[in-house]
Amino acid sequence: LRLIEIQPAVKNNDPIVCTLTEATFGSKPQYEALSYMWKKETADEPILLNGVPFVVGKNLRDALLFLRRDYKRGSTKTRLLIWIDAICINQREPQERNRQVRIMDQIYFRAQAVVVWL
C-alpha cells in the first residue's frame, strides 16, 4: 500500500510537494483516501513527488490544494497521509494496477476518512 504525505506550505500558492511512502495494513497506518472524478483532461499540472516532477490533472491538483489548505487550518495531525489512486498505484504497470484494484475496497474501508472531490 502506497500513501502520499502532502507537505505543508507557507503560502497557498506554494508548489504542491508530496512524499510517497509504503505501509502495510498490518501496520495500521492512519490515512485518508481521496475519491475524485477523473475528468477528461490532460495531466499537465505539475507537483513534486519525492523531489521529482510528476504531472496530474487539474481536478486532482485542485483537490490536493484543498487538502493541504484544510490540513493547515488547525489540524491536530502531525502529518497528512492520503491514498490517491492516480498517484499511489503505478498506472503504467497493468499487473500492479489490477492487484491494487482488487484491494481498493479494503483501502477505502480502512481509511480514517474518505474525501469525495467532484
N, C-alpha and C. Protein backbone atom coordinates (compact mmCIF):
# COMPACT_ATOMS: atom_id res chain seq x y z
N LEU A 1 0.86 -1.18 0.00
CA LEU A 1 0.00 0.00 0.00
C LEU A 1 0.90 1.23 0.00
N ARG A 2 0.73 2.06 -1.02
CA ARG A 2 1.48 3.32 -1.07
C ARG A 2 0.57 4.45 -0.61
N LEU A 3 1.15 5.37 0.11
CA LEU A 3 0.44 6.56 0.58
C LEU A 3 1.30 7.76 0.26
N ILE A 4 0.67 8.89 0.09
CA ILE A 4 1.45 10.11 -0.07
C ILE A 4 1.28 10.97 1.17
N GLU A 5 2.35 11.65 1.51
CA GLU A 5 2.29 12.65 2.56
C GLU A 5 2.38 14.01 1.88
N ILE A 6 1.36 14.81 2.07
CA ILE A 6 1.35 16.15 1.49
C ILE A 6 2.10 17.07 2.45
N GLN A 7 3.14 17.69 1.94
CA GLN A 7 3.96 18.56 2.79
C GLN A 7 3.24 19.90 2.98
N PRO A 8 3.35 20.47 4.18
CA PRO A 8 2.71 21.76 4.42
C PRO A 8 3.34 22.86 3.56
N ALA A 9 2.61 23.94 3.40
CA ALA A 9 3.09 25.08 2.61
C ALA A 9 3.02 26.34 3.46
N VAL A 10 3.89 27.27 3.16
CA VAL A 10 3.85 28.56 3.84
C VAL A 10 2.72 29.41 3.26
N LYS A 11 2.65 29.44 1.92
CA LYS A 11 1.61 30.21 1.23
C LYS A 11 0.75 29.27 0.40
N ASN A 12 -0.50 29.66 0.19
CA ASN A 12 -1.43 28.81 -0.56
C ASN A 12 -0.96 28.51 -1.98
N ASN A 13 -0.20 29.42 -2.58
CA ASN A 13 0.23 29.20 -3.97
C ASN A 13 1.60 28.53 -4.07
N ASP A 14 2.16 28.06 -2.95
CA ASP A 14 3.41 27.30 -2.99
C ASP A 14 3.19 26.02 -3.79
N PRO A 15 4.24 25.52 -4.43
CA PRO A 15 4.09 24.26 -5.18
C PRO A 15 3.63 23.12 -4.26
N ILE A 16 2.92 22.18 -4.84
CA ILE A 16 2.49 21.00 -4.09
C ILE A 16 3.66 20.03 -4.04
N VAL A 17 4.06 19.68 -2.83
CA VAL A 17 5.18 18.77 -2.62
C VAL A 17 4.66 17.58 -1.82
N CYS A 18 4.89 16.39 -2.36
CA CYS A 18 4.41 15.16 -1.72
C CYS A 18 5.56 14.15 -1.62
N THR A 19 5.45 13.31 -0.61
CA THR A 19 6.40 12.22 -0.44
C THR A 19 5.62 10.92 -0.49
N LEU A 20 6.09 9.99 -1.29
CA LEU A 20 5.45 8.68 -1.42
C LEU A 20 6.06 7.74 -0.38
N THR A 21 5.21 7.10 0.42
CA THR A 21 5.68 6.16 1.42
C THR A 21 4.93 4.84 1.25
N GLU A 22 5.47 3.79 1.83
CA GLU A 22 4.82 2.48 1.77
C GLU A 22 4.40 2.06 3.16
N ALA A 23 3.30 1.34 3.23
CA ALA A 23 2.78 0.83 4.50
C ALA A 23 2.10 -0.50 4.24
N THR A 24 1.81 -1.20 5.30
CA THR A 24 1.02 -2.43 5.20
C THR A 24 -0.24 -2.24 6.02
N PHE A 25 -1.27 -2.99 5.69
CA PHE A 25 -2.48 -2.91 6.51
C PHE A 25 -2.16 -3.33 7.94
N GLY A 26 -1.22 -4.27 8.09
CA GLY A 26 -0.84 -4.74 9.42
C GLY A 26 -0.24 -3.66 10.30
N SER A 27 0.38 -2.65 9.68
CA SER A 27 0.96 -1.55 10.46
C SER A 27 -0.09 -0.52 10.86
N LYS A 28 -1.32 -0.72 10.41
CA LYS A 28 -2.45 0.15 10.74
C LYS A 28 -2.15 1.63 10.50
N PRO A 29 -1.80 1.99 9.28
CA PRO A 29 -1.49 3.40 9.01
C PRO A 29 -2.73 4.27 9.16
N GLN A 30 -2.53 5.47 9.64
CA GLN A 30 -3.61 6.44 9.80
C GLN A 30 -3.62 7.32 8.55
N TYR A 31 -4.57 7.06 7.66
CA TYR A 31 -4.59 7.78 6.39
C TYR A 31 -6.03 8.07 5.98
N GLU A 32 -6.15 8.98 5.04
CA GLU A 32 -7.43 9.27 4.41
C GLU A 32 -7.34 8.81 2.96
N ALA A 33 -8.45 8.58 2.34
CA ALA A 33 -8.48 8.19 0.93
C ALA A 33 -9.26 9.25 0.16
N LEU A 34 -8.79 9.55 -1.02
CA LEU A 34 -9.46 10.53 -1.87
C LEU A 34 -10.20 9.82 -2.98
N SER A 35 -11.48 10.11 -3.08
CA SER A 35 -12.29 9.63 -4.20
C SER A 35 -12.64 10.87 -5.01
N TYR A 36 -12.22 10.88 -6.25
CA TYR A 36 -12.43 12.08 -7.06
C TYR A 36 -12.75 11.69 -8.49
N MET A 37 -13.22 12.67 -9.23
CA MET A 37 -13.61 12.43 -10.61
C MET A 37 -12.41 12.60 -11.53
N TRP A 38 -12.10 11.54 -12.27
CA TRP A 38 -11.06 11.63 -13.30
C TRP A 38 -11.71 12.30 -14.50
N LYS A 39 -11.47 13.57 -14.66
CA LYS A 39 -12.07 14.29 -15.79
C LYS A 39 -11.26 14.03 -17.05
N LYS A 40 -11.91 14.22 -18.19
CA LYS A 40 -11.20 14.07 -19.46
C LYS A 40 -10.38 15.33 -19.68
N GLU A 41 -9.19 15.30 -19.13
CA GLU A 41 -8.28 16.43 -19.24
C GLU A 41 -6.87 15.88 -19.32
N THR A 42 -6.00 16.67 -19.85
CA THR A 42 -4.61 16.22 -19.90
C THR A 42 -3.97 16.39 -18.54
N ALA A 43 -3.09 15.48 -18.21
CA ALA A 43 -2.37 15.57 -16.94
C ALA A 43 -1.17 16.48 -17.16
N ASP A 44 -1.38 17.76 -16.90
CA ASP A 44 -0.28 18.70 -17.14
C ASP A 44 -0.07 19.69 -16.00
N GLU A 45 -0.61 19.36 -14.83
CA GLU A 45 -0.42 20.22 -13.66
C GLU A 45 0.73 19.64 -12.84
N PRO A 46 1.82 20.38 -12.69
CA PRO A 46 3.00 19.82 -12.02
C PRO A 46 2.90 19.82 -10.50
N ILE A 47 3.34 18.73 -9.91
CA ILE A 47 3.58 18.64 -8.47
C ILE A 47 4.98 18.03 -8.33
N LEU A 48 5.49 18.02 -7.11
CA LEU A 48 6.75 17.32 -6.84
C LEU A 48 6.43 16.09 -6.02
N LEU A 49 6.89 14.94 -6.48
CA LEU A 49 6.67 13.67 -5.80
C LEU A 49 8.05 13.06 -5.54
N ASN A 50 8.41 12.99 -4.26
CA ASN A 50 9.76 12.53 -3.88
C ASN A 50 10.84 13.35 -4.58
N GLY A 51 10.59 14.64 -4.74
CA GLY A 51 11.56 15.54 -5.34
C GLY A 51 11.63 15.50 -6.86
N VAL A 52 10.76 14.70 -7.47
CA VAL A 52 10.76 14.55 -8.93
C VAL A 52 9.47 15.14 -9.49
N PRO A 53 9.54 15.91 -10.58
CA PRO A 53 8.30 16.44 -11.17
C PRO A 53 7.36 15.30 -11.59
N PHE A 54 6.09 15.48 -11.30
CA PHE A 54 5.04 14.50 -11.59
C PHE A 54 3.83 15.31 -12.02
N VAL A 55 3.16 14.91 -13.08
CA VAL A 55 2.02 15.70 -13.54
C VAL A 55 0.70 15.00 -13.21
N VAL A 56 -0.27 15.82 -12.84
CA VAL A 56 -1.62 15.34 -12.53
C VAL A 56 -2.61 16.22 -13.27
N GLY A 57 -3.85 15.81 -13.32
CA GLY A 57 -4.90 16.62 -13.92
C GLY A 57 -5.26 17.79 -13.02
N LYS A 58 -5.90 18.79 -13.60
CA LYS A 58 -6.27 20.00 -12.85
C LYS A 58 -7.20 19.67 -11.69
N ASN A 59 -8.17 18.77 -11.88
CA ASN A 59 -9.10 18.43 -10.81
C ASN A 59 -8.37 17.82 -9.61
N LEU A 60 -7.42 16.94 -9.87
CA LEU A 60 -6.64 16.35 -8.78
C LEU A 60 -5.75 17.40 -8.13
N ARG A 61 -5.14 18.26 -8.92
CA ARG A 61 -4.32 19.33 -8.35
C ARG A 61 -5.15 20.22 -7.43
N ASP A 62 -6.37 20.56 -7.87
CA ASP A 62 -7.26 21.37 -7.04
C ASP A 62 -7.61 20.66 -5.73
N ALA A 63 -7.83 19.35 -5.80
CA ALA A 63 -8.12 18.56 -4.59
C ALA A 63 -6.92 18.58 -3.65
N LEU A 64 -5.72 18.42 -4.19
CA LEU A 64 -4.51 18.45 -3.36
C LEU A 64 -4.34 19.81 -2.69
N LEU A 65 -4.60 20.88 -3.43
CA LEU A 65 -4.52 22.22 -2.84
C LEU A 65 -5.53 22.37 -1.70
N PHE A 66 -6.75 21.90 -1.92
CA PHE A 66 -7.78 21.97 -0.88
C PHE A 66 -7.36 21.17 0.35
N LEU A 67 -6.90 19.95 0.15
CA LEU A 67 -6.50 19.11 1.28
C LEU A 67 -5.37 19.75 2.06
N ARG A 68 -4.41 20.30 1.36
CA ARG A 68 -3.28 20.96 2.04
C ARG A 68 -3.76 22.17 2.82
N ARG A 69 -4.62 22.98 2.22
CA ARG A 69 -5.16 24.17 2.89
C ARG A 69 -6.00 23.78 4.10
N ASP A 70 -6.86 22.77 3.92
CA ASP A 70 -7.73 22.31 5.01
C ASP A 70 -6.90 21.75 6.16
N TYR A 71 -5.85 21.02 5.84
CA TYR A 71 -4.96 20.44 6.84
C TYR A 71 -4.27 21.53 7.64
N LYS A 72 -3.90 22.59 6.96
CA LYS A 72 -3.19 23.71 7.60
C LYS A 72 -4.08 24.41 8.63
N ARG A 73 -5.38 24.33 8.44
CA ARG A 73 -6.34 25.05 9.28
C ARG A 73 -6.57 24.36 10.63
N GLY A 74 -5.54 24.27 11.45
CA GLY A 74 -5.71 23.81 12.81
C GLY A 74 -5.83 22.32 13.02
N SER A 75 -5.33 21.52 12.12
CA SER A 75 -5.38 20.08 12.30
C SER A 75 -4.47 19.66 13.45
N THR A 76 -4.89 18.65 14.17
CA THR A 76 -4.06 18.12 15.25
C THR A 76 -3.14 17.01 14.75
N LYS A 77 -3.29 16.61 13.50
CA LYS A 77 -2.44 15.57 12.94
C LYS A 77 -1.03 16.10 12.72
N THR A 78 -0.06 15.21 12.92
CA THR A 78 1.32 15.62 12.70
C THR A 78 1.71 15.49 11.24
N ARG A 79 0.99 14.67 10.49
CA ARG A 79 1.26 14.52 9.06
C ARG A 79 -0.02 14.16 8.33
N LEU A 80 -0.10 14.56 7.09
CA LEU A 80 -1.27 14.29 6.27
C LEU A 80 -0.94 13.18 5.28
N LEU A 81 -1.39 11.96 5.60
CA LEU A 81 -1.20 10.81 4.73
C LEU A 81 -2.50 10.55 3.99
N ILE A 82 -2.39 10.36 2.70
CA ILE A 82 -3.59 10.15 1.91
C ILE A 82 -3.31 9.14 0.80
N TRP A 83 -4.32 8.35 0.48
CA TRP A 83 -4.23 7.41 -0.63
C TRP A 83 -5.01 8.01 -1.80
N ILE A 84 -4.33 8.11 -2.95
CA ILE A 84 -4.93 8.63 -4.17
C ILE A 84 -4.56 7.67 -5.29
N ASP A 85 -5.54 7.07 -5.91
CA ASP A 85 -5.25 6.01 -6.89
C ASP A 85 -4.32 6.45 -8.01
N ALA A 86 -4.50 7.64 -8.54
CA ALA A 86 -3.69 8.09 -9.68
C ALA A 86 -2.22 8.23 -9.33
N ILE A 87 -1.92 8.43 -8.06
CA ILE A 87 -0.53 8.61 -7.62
C ILE A 87 0.00 7.35 -6.94
N CYS A 88 -0.81 6.74 -6.11
CA CYS A 88 -0.34 5.61 -5.30
C CYS A 88 -0.31 4.28 -6.05
N ILE A 89 -0.99 4.19 -7.16
CA ILE A 89 -0.94 3.00 -8.00
C ILE A 89 -0.12 3.35 -9.23
N ASN A 90 0.85 2.51 -9.56
CA ASN A 90 1.63 2.73 -10.78
C ASN A 90 0.73 2.40 -11.96
N GLN A 91 0.21 3.43 -12.60
CA GLN A 91 -0.77 3.26 -13.67
C GLN A 91 -0.16 2.64 -14.93
N ARG A 92 1.16 2.64 -15.03
CA ARG A 92 1.82 2.08 -16.21
C ARG A 92 2.09 0.58 -16.09
N GLU A 93 1.83 0.00 -14.93
CA GLU A 93 2.08 -1.43 -14.70
C GLU A 93 0.75 -2.16 -14.55
N PRO A 94 0.27 -2.83 -15.61
CA PRO A 94 -1.04 -3.49 -15.56
C PRO A 94 -1.19 -4.49 -14.42
N GLN A 95 -0.15 -5.27 -14.12
CA GLN A 95 -0.27 -6.26 -13.05
C GLN A 95 -0.46 -5.58 -11.70
N GLU A 96 0.33 -4.55 -11.45
CA GLU A 96 0.18 -3.84 -10.18
C GLU A 96 -1.18 -3.16 -10.12
N ARG A 97 -1.56 -2.52 -11.20
CA ARG A 97 -2.85 -1.83 -11.23
C ARG A 97 -3.98 -2.81 -10.93
N ASN A 98 -3.97 -3.98 -11.55
CA ASN A 98 -5.01 -4.98 -11.31
C ASN A 98 -4.99 -5.47 -9.87
N ARG A 99 -3.81 -5.69 -9.31
CA ARG A 99 -3.69 -6.15 -7.92
C ARG A 99 -4.24 -5.09 -6.97
N GLN A 100 -3.92 -3.82 -7.22
CA GLN A 100 -4.39 -2.74 -6.36
C GLN A 100 -5.91 -2.55 -6.48
N VAL A 101 -6.43 -2.69 -7.69
CA VAL A 101 -7.88 -2.55 -7.88
C VAL A 101 -8.62 -3.60 -7.07
N ARG A 102 -8.06 -4.79 -6.96
CA ARG A 102 -8.71 -5.86 -6.19
C ARG A 102 -8.79 -5.56 -4.69
N ILE A 103 -7.91 -4.70 -4.19
CA ILE A 103 -7.96 -4.39 -2.75
C ILE A 103 -8.47 -2.98 -2.47
N MET A 104 -8.99 -2.31 -3.49
CA MET A 104 -9.48 -0.94 -3.28
C MET A 104 -10.58 -0.87 -2.23
N ASP A 105 -11.43 -1.89 -2.16
CA ASP A 105 -12.47 -1.87 -1.13
C ASP A 105 -11.85 -1.81 0.26
N GLN A 106 -10.76 -2.55 0.48
CA GLN A 106 -10.09 -2.53 1.77
C GLN A 106 -9.37 -1.20 2.01
N ILE A 107 -8.82 -0.64 0.96
CA ILE A 107 -8.13 0.66 1.08
C ILE A 107 -9.12 1.72 1.57
N TYR A 108 -10.29 1.77 0.95
CA TYR A 108 -11.30 2.74 1.37
C TYR A 108 -11.89 2.39 2.74
N PHE A 109 -12.12 1.11 3.00
CA PHE A 109 -12.71 0.68 4.27
C PHE A 109 -11.80 1.02 5.45
N ARG A 110 -10.50 0.85 5.28
CA ARG A 110 -9.56 1.05 6.39
C ARG A 110 -9.13 2.50 6.56
N ALA A 111 -9.51 3.36 5.64
CA ALA A 111 -9.15 4.78 5.76
C ALA A 111 -9.90 5.41 6.93
N GLN A 112 -9.26 6.35 7.59
CA GLN A 112 -9.93 7.09 8.67
C GLN A 112 -11.09 7.90 8.14
N ALA A 113 -10.93 8.39 6.93
CA ALA A 113 -11.98 9.18 6.28
C ALA A 113 -11.80 9.04 4.78
N VAL A 114 -12.89 9.19 4.06
CA VAL A 114 -12.84 9.22 2.60
C VAL A 114 -13.31 10.61 2.18
N VAL A 115 -12.45 11.30 1.48
CA VAL A 115 -12.76 12.64 0.99
C VAL A 115 -13.26 12.50 -0.44
N VAL A 116 -14.44 13.05 -0.71
CA VAL A 116 -15.01 13.00 -2.05
C VAL A 116 -14.82 14.36 -2.70
N TRP A 117 -14.22 14.36 -3.87
CA TRP A 117 -13.94 15.59 -4.60
C TRP A 117 -14.52 15.47 -6.00
N LEU A 118 -15.48 16.31 -6.32
CA LEU A 118 -16.08 16.30 -7.65
C LEU A 118 -15.66 17.53 -8.38
